[in-house]
Amino acid sequence: MSAPNSLLKTIFFTEILQGLALTLKHLIKGKSITEQYPREKPNLPDGWRGAIVHLRYDDGTEKCVGCALCEAACPSHCITVISAERPDLPQKRIAETYILDMTKCVFCGFCVQACPVNALASSKEYELATTDKRSLIMTKDTMLDLGDKYFRVREKRPEDSAAKINLFEGLKSNGFPHAKKGKA
């Protein structure tokens, strides 16, 4: 390229004028690609990893068994699980306390993958901005509410659970068999 030609391009800002012409062409066309965010929500893909939620069975009982595998799998240590025995079934456990600190969460999805009963899922909740950090510490109840909001279709409770509950109720009413000391 010759020196006088590049000097003219520099003086008259031809690259800037070409860019402005392209912008004006798209402006006149009228086809807008800008999303009007607060009024129009974006369509998120199915693999979106938003806020972690708890799921329920179709009868309304929670799926979480309090095994704390999600807590062990979490790389940012933002999950705390305290489990306890279920009052109606002493052999079964539930998550008595479940706390998820969203300020530490990196949305990796390891807790969802680690859950053996599929009690956790990633929702499409992405609007987590707040003026109070304490509102981002989610309890089991808030996670269940979010799960009800985003996952309306619920998995059916496994059939064998009802049979096990009936067996346990029968044993409980008749009295549990006790092993005698020193005998197998």
C-alpha atoms as a PDB file:
ATOM      1  CA  MET A   1       0.000   0.000   0.000  1.00  0.00           C
ATOM      2  CA  SER A   2       1.354   3.395  -0.870  1.00  0.00           C
ATOM      3  CA  ALA A   3       2.146   6.018   1.733  1.00  0.00           C
ATOM      4  CA  PRO A   4      -0.208   8.751   0.384  1.00  0.00           C
ATOM      5  CA  ASN A   5      -3.122   6.282   0.259  1.00  0.00           C
ATOM      6  CA  SER A   6      -2.620   5.220   3.905  1.00  0.00           C
ATOM      7  CA  LEU A   7      -2.221   8.841   4.920  1.00  0.00           C
ATOM      8  CA  LEU A   8      -5.619   9.690   3.384  1.00  0.00           C
ATOM      9  CA  LYS A   9      -7.255   6.719   5.148  1.00  0.00           C
ATOM     10  CA  THR A  10      -5.784   7.903   8.437  1.00  0.00           C
ATOM     11  CA  ILE A  11      -6.890  11.489   7.972  1.00  0.00           C
ATOM     12  CA  PHE A  12     -10.464  10.698   6.888  1.00  0.00           C
ATOM     13  CA  PHE A  13     -11.015   7.781   9.309  1.00  0.00           C
ATOM     14  CA  THR A  14     -12.262   5.464   6.556  1.00  0.00           C
ATOM     15  CA  GLU A  15     -12.331   2.379   8.822  1.00  0.00           C
ATOM     16  CA  ILE A  16     -14.532   4.190  11.316  1.00  0.00           C
ATOM     17  CA  LEU A  17     -16.811   5.453   8.542  1.00  0.00           C
ATOM     18  CA  GLN A  18     -17.122   1.896   7.144  1.00  0.00           C
ATOM     19  CA  GLY A  19     -18.112   0.621  10.580  1.00  0.00           C
ATOM     20  CA  LEU A  20     -20.654   3.410  11.036  1.00  0.00           C
ATOM     21  CA  ALA A  21     -22.103   2.668   7.591  1.00  0.00           C
ATOM     22  CA  LEU A  22     -22.566  -0.980   8.540  1.00  0.00           C
ATOM     23  CA  THR A  23     -24.221   0.015  11.828  1.00  0.00           C
ATOM     24  CA  LEU A  24     -26.535   2.443  10.002  1.00  0.00           C
ATOM     25  CA  LYS A  25     -27.466  -0.260   7.467  1.00  0.00           C
ATOM     26  CA  HIS A  26     -28.552  -2.648  10.253  1.00  0.00           C
ATOM     27  CA  LEU A  27     -30.333   0.162  12.089  1.00  0.00           C
ATOM     28  CA  ILE A  28     -32.405   1.040   9.036  1.00  0.00           C
ATOM     29  CA  LYS A  29     -33.234  -2.629   8.340  1.00  0.00           C
ATOM     30  CA  GLY A  30     -35.116  -2.690  11.642  1.00  0.00           C
ATOM     31  CA  LYS A  31     -34.110  -6.223  12.599  1.00  0.00           C
ATOM     32  CA  SER A  32     -33.047  -5.883  16.221  1.00  0.00           C
ATOM     33  CA  ILE A  33     -30.954  -8.591  17.839  1.00  0.00           C
ATOM     34  CA  THR A  34     -30.862  -6.938  21.245  1.00  0.00           C
ATOM     35  CA  GLU A  35     -32.801  -8.800  23.947  1.00  0.00           C
ATOM     36  CA  GLN A  36     -34.954  -6.529  26.092  1.00  0.00           C
ATOM     37  CA  TYR A  37     -33.859  -8.354  29.249  1.00  0.00           C
ATOM     38  CA  PRO A  38     -36.129  -7.340  32.092  1.00  0.00           C
ATOM     39  CA  ARG A  39     -39.251  -7.684  29.955  1.00  0.00           C
ATOM     40  CA  GLU A  40     -38.137 -10.620  27.812  1.00  0.00           C
ATOM     41  CA  LYS A  41     -36.465 -13.508  29.609  1.00  0.00           C
ATOM     42  CA  PRO A  42     -33.793 -15.434  27.680  1.00  0.00           C
ATOM     43  CA  ASN A  43     -34.504 -18.972  26.553  1.00  0.00           C
ATOM     44  CA  LEU A  44     -31.965 -21.050  28.474  1.00  0.00           C
ATOM     45  CA  PRO A  45     -30.692 -24.417  27.212  1.00  0.00           C
ATOM     46  CA  ASP A  46     -31.640 -27.636  28.990  1.00  0.00           C
ATOM     47  CA  GLY A  47     -28.131 -28.147  30.356  1.00  0.00           C
ATOM     48  CA  TRP A  48     -28.162 -24.793  32.157  1.00  0.00           C
ATOM     49  CA  ARG A  49     -26.729 -25.037  35.666  1.00  0.00           C
ATOM     50  CA  GLY A  50     -28.548 -22.499  37.789  1.00  0.00           C
ATOM     51  CA  ALA A  51     -29.469 -22.642  41.460  1.00  0.00           C
ATOM     52  CA  ILE A  52     -29.458 -26.122  43.023  1.00  0.00           C
ATOM     53  CA  VAL A  53     -32.911 -27.303  44.149  1.00  0.00           C
ATOM     54  CA  HIS A  54     -34.377 -30.245  46.093  1.00  0.00           C
ATOM     55  CA  LEU A  55     -36.942 -32.491  44.453  1.00  0.00           C
ATOM     56  CA  ARG A  56     -39.976 -34.332  45.809  1.00  0.00           C
ATOM     57  CA  TYR A  57     -41.789 -37.511  44.893  1.00  0.00           C
ATOM     58  CA  ASP A  58     -45.288 -37.354  43.416  1.00  0.00           C
ATOM     59  CA  ASP A  59     -46.844 -37.835  46.870  1.00  0.00           C
ATOM     60  CA  GLY A  60     -45.067 -34.713  48.166  1.00  0.00           C
ATOM     61  CA  THR A  61     -42.371 -36.361  50.271  1.00  0.00           C
ATOM     62  CA  GLU A  62     -38.818 -35.193  49.753  1.00  0.00           C
ATOM     63  CA  LYS A  63     -36.329 -37.425  47.994  1.00  0.00           C
ATOM     64  CA  CYS A  64     -33.253 -36.518  50.046  1.00  0.00           C
ATOM     65  CA  VAL A  65     -32.072 -39.308  52.347  1.00  0.00           C
ATOM     66  CA  GLY A  66     -29.411 -37.266  54.130  1.00  0.00           C
ATOM     67  CA  CYS A  67     -26.452 -39.325  52.919  1.00  0.00           C
ATOM     68  CA  ALA A  68     -24.225 -36.208  52.590  1.00  0.00           C
ATOM     69  CA  LEU A  69     -22.566 -37.408  49.376  1.00  0.00           C
ATOM     70  CA  CYS A  70     -23.321 -33.987  47.879  1.00  0.00           C
ATOM     71  CA  GLU A  71     -21.418 -32.392  50.744  1.00  0.00           C
ATOM     72  CA  ALA A  72     -18.443 -34.678  50.120  1.00  0.00           C
ATOM     73  CA  ALA A  73     -18.463 -34.017  46.353  1.00  0.00           C
ATOM     74  CA  CYS A  74     -18.673 -30.226  46.624  1.00  0.00           C
ATOM     75  CA  PRO A  75     -15.297 -28.660  45.730  1.00  0.00           C
ATOM     76  CA  SER A  76     -16.139 -25.301  47.322  1.00  0.00           C
ATOM     77  CA  HIS A  77     -17.517 -26.793  50.585  1.00  0.00           C
ATOM     78  CA  CYS A  78     -20.733 -24.773  50.400  1.00  0.00           C
ATOM     79  CA  ILE A  79     -23.102 -27.600  51.443  1.00  0.00           C
ATOM     80  CA  THR A  80     -23.824 -28.671  55.012  1.00  0.00           C
ATOM     81  CA  VAL A  81     -25.991 -31.735  55.670  1.00  0.00           C
ATOM     82  CA  ILE A  82     -27.132 -32.920  59.095  1.00  0.00           C
ATOM     83  CA  SER A  83     -29.070 -36.154  58.873  1.00  0.00           C
ATOM     84  CA  ALA A  84     -31.430 -37.785  61.336  1.00  0.00           C
ATOM     85  CA  GLU A  85     -33.676 -40.825  61.568  1.00  0.00           C
ATOM     86  CA  ARG A  86     -37.170 -40.532  60.212  1.00  0.00           C
ATOM     87  CA  PRO A  87     -39.700 -40.516  63.057  1.00  0.00           C
ATOM     88  CA  ASP A  88     -42.052 -42.920  61.274  1.00  0.00           C
ATOM     89  CA  LEU A  89     -39.314 -45.291  60.003  1.00  0.00           C
ATOM     90  CA  PRO A  90     -36.295 -45.580  62.307  1.00  0.00           C
ATOM     91  CA  GLN A  91     -34.240 -47.490  59.700  1.00  0.00           C
ATOM     92  CA  LYS A  92     -34.577 -44.642  57.193  1.00  0.00           C
ATOM     93  CA  ARG A  93     -32.757 -41.342  57.342  1.00  0.00           C
ATOM     94  CA  ILE A  94     -33.640 -37.849  56.173  1.00  0.00           C
ATOM     95  CA  ALA A  95     -31.770 -34.588  55.890  1.00  0.00           C
ATOM     96  CA  GLU A  96     -32.862 -32.824  59.048  1.00  0.00           C
ATOM     97  CA  THR A  97     -30.856 -29.715  58.147  1.00  0.00           C
ATOM     98  CA  TYR A  98     -29.617 -28.871  54.666  1.00  0.00           C
ATOM     99  CA  ILE A  99     -27.811 -25.588  54.064  1.00  0.00           C
ATOM    100  CA  LEU A 100     -26.434 -24.414  50.720  1.00  0.00           C
ATOM    101  CA  ASP A 101     -24.397 -21.213  50.699  1.00  0.00           C
ATOM    102  CA  MET A 102     -24.912 -19.786  47.203  1.00  0.00           C
ATOM    103  CA  THR A 103     -22.191 -17.175  47.776  1.00  0.00           C
ATOM    104  CA  LYS A 104     -19.606 -19.985  47.688  1.00  0.00           C
ATOM    105  CA  CYS A 105     -21.236 -22.206  45.055  1.00  0.00           C
ATOM    106  CA  VAL A 106     -19.407 -22.455  41.718  1.00  0.00           C
ATOM    107  CA  PHE A 107     -22.357 -24.157  39.947  1.00  0.00           C
ATOM    108  CA  CYS A 108     -20.226 -27.134  38.921  1.00  0.00           C
ATOM    109  CA  GLY A 109     -23.034 -29.684  39.312  1.00  0.00           C
ATOM    110  CA  PHE A 110     -20.926 -32.238  41.185  1.00  0.00           C
ATOM    111  CA  CYS A 111     -23.507 -32.412  43.978  1.00  0.00           C
ATOM    112  CA  VAL A 112     -26.247 -33.218  41.458  1.00  0.00           C
ATOM    113  CA  GLN A 113     -24.143 -35.995  39.926  1.00  0.00           C
ATOM    114  CA  ALA A 114     -23.161 -37.423  43.322  1.00  0.00           C
ATOM    115  CA  CYS A 115     -26.732 -37.767  44.638  1.00  0.00           C
ATOM    116  CA  PRO A 116     -27.681 -41.476  44.629  1.00  0.00           C
ATOM    117  CA  VAL A 117     -31.446 -40.849  44.764  1.00  0.00           C
ATOM    118  CA  ASN A 118     -31.600 -37.907  42.309  1.00  0.00           C
ATOM    119  CA  ALA A 119     -32.849 -35.570  45.016  1.00  0.00           C
ATOM    120  CA  LEU A 120     -30.911 -32.583  43.655  1.00  0.00           C
ATOM    121  CA  ALA A 121     -31.240 -30.831  40.317  1.00  0.00           C
ATOM    122  CA  SER A 122     -29.960 -27.696  38.637  1.00  0.00           C
ATOM    123  CA  SER A 123     -32.759 -25.233  37.972  1.00  0.00           C
ATOM    124  CA  LYS A 124     -32.881 -22.413  35.465  1.00  0.00           C
ATOM    125  CA  GLU A 125     -32.874 -19.834  38.265  1.00  0.00           C
ATOM    126  CA  TYR A 126     -30.200 -17.287  37.404  1.00  0.00           C
ATOM    127  CA  GLU A 127     -31.513 -14.084  38.950  1.00  0.00           C
ATOM    128  CA  LEU A 128     -29.681 -14.325  42.257  1.00  0.00           C
ATOM    129  CA  ALA A 129     -28.751 -10.669  42.727  1.00  0.00           C
ATOM    130  CA  THR A 130     -29.601  -9.319  46.161  1.00  0.00           C
ATOM    131  CA  THR A 131     -28.667  -6.557  48.554  1.00  0.00           C
ATOM    132  CA  ASP A 132     -28.414  -8.961  51.496  1.00  0.00           C
ATOM    133  CA  LYS A 133     -25.916 -11.834  51.320  1.00  0.00           C
ATOM    134  CA  ARG A 134     -27.799 -13.736  54.000  1.00  0.00           C
ATOM    135  CA  SER A 135     -30.690 -14.328  51.599  1.00  0.00           C
ATOM    136  CA  LEU A 136     -28.328 -16.409  49.435  1.00  0.00           C
ATOM    137  CA  ILE A 137     -27.903 -19.002  52.174  1.00  0.00           C
ATOM    138  CA  MET A 138     -30.585 -21.480  51.169  1.00  0.00           C
ATOM    139  CA  THR A 139     -32.231 -23.891  53.574  1.00  0.00           C
ATOM    140  CA  LYS A 140     -33.942 -27.148  52.747  1.00  0.00           C
ATOM    141  CA  ASP A 141     -37.362 -25.455  52.688  1.00  0.00           C
ATOM    142  CA  THR A 142     -36.337 -22.757  50.209  1.00  0.00           C
ATOM    143  CA  MET A 143     -34.682 -25.379  48.011  1.00  0.00           C
ATOM    144  CA  LEU A 144     -37.839 -27.507  48.090  1.00  0.00           C
ATOM    145  CA  ASP A 145     -39.938 -24.454  47.141  1.00  0.00           C
ATOM    146  CA  LEU A 146     -37.638 -23.725  44.200  1.00  0.00           C
ATOM    147  CA  GLY A 147     -37.825 -27.385  43.195  1.00  0.00           C
ATOM    148  CA  ASP A 148     -41.627 -27.208  43.202  1.00  0.00           C
ATOM    149  CA  LYS A 149     -41.449 -24.080  41.044  1.00  0.00           C
ATOM    150  CA  TYR A 150     -39.092 -25.428  38.375  1.00  0.00           C
ATOM    151  CA  PHE A 151     -39.893 -29.158  38.407  1.00  0.00           C
ATOM    152  CA  ARG A 152     -43.665 -29.527  38.446  1.00  0.00           C
ATOM    153  CA  VAL A 153     -43.600 -33.037  36.979  1.00  0.00           C
ATOM    154  CA  ARG A 154     -42.434 -35.296  39.770  1.00  0.00           C
ATOM    155  CA  GLU A 155     -41.014 -38.773  39.762  1.00  0.00           C
ATOM    156  CA  LYS A 156     -43.245 -41.498  41.120  1.00  0.00           C
ATOM    157  CA  ARG A 157     -42.226 -43.016  44.432  1.00  0.00           C
ATOM    158  CA  PRO A 158     -40.753 -46.510  43.970  1.00  0.00           C
ATOM    159  CA  GLU A 159     -43.294 -49.275  44.568  1.00  0.00           C
ATOM    160  CA  ASP A 160     -41.163 -51.306  46.950  1.00  0.00           C
ATOM    161  CA  SER A 161     -41.152 -48.420  49.454  1.00  0.00           C
ATOM    162  CA  ALA A 162     -44.827 -48.950  50.314  1.00  0.00           C
ATOM    163  CA  ALA A 163     -44.230 -52.686  50.867  1.00  0.00           C
ATOM    164  CA  LYS A 164     -41.285 -51.940  53.151  1.00  0.00           C
ATOM    165  CA  ILE A 165     -43.326 -49.417  55.103  1.00  0.00           C
ATOM    166  CA  ASN A 166     -46.144 -51.945  55.567  1.00  0.00           C
ATOM    167  CA  LEU A 167     -43.646 -54.601  56.691  1.00  0.00           C
ATOM    168  CA  PHE A 168     -42.119 -52.211  59.191  1.00  0.00           C
ATOM    169  CA  GLU A 169     -45.530 -51.152  60.525  1.00  0.00           C
ATOM    170  CA  GLY A 170     -46.437 -54.834  61.006  1.00  0.00           C
ATOM    171  CA  LEU A 171     -43.197 -55.519  62.858  1.00  0.00           C
ATOM    172  CA  LYS A 172     -43.648 -52.413  64.956  1.00  0.00           C
ATOM    173  CA  SER A 173     -47.178 -53.395  66.004  1.00  0.00           C
ATOM    174  CA  ASN A 174     -46.155 -56.990  66.854  1.00  0.00           C
ATOM    175  CA  GLY A 175     -42.934 -56.003  68.559  1.00  0.00           C
ATOM    176  CA  PHE A 176     -39.494 -56.340  67.074  1.00  0.00           C
ATOM    177  CA  PRO A 177     -37.679 -59.642  67.518  1.00  0.00           C
ATOM    178  CA  HIS A 178     -34.705 -59.260  69.817  1.00  0.00           C
ATOM    179  CA  ALA A 179     -31.520 -61.304  69.652  1.00  0.00           C
ATOM    180  CA  LYS A 180     -30.542 -62.991  72.898  1.00  0.00           C
ATOM    181  CA  LYS A 181     -27.160 -62.129  74.256  1.00  0.00           C
ATOM    182  CA  GLY A 182     -24.463 -64.598  73.276  1.00  0.00           C
ATOM    183  CA  LYS A 183     -26.564 -66.441  70.671  1.00  0.00           C
ATOM    184  CA  ALA A 184     -26.595 -65.887  66.942  1.00  0.00           C
END
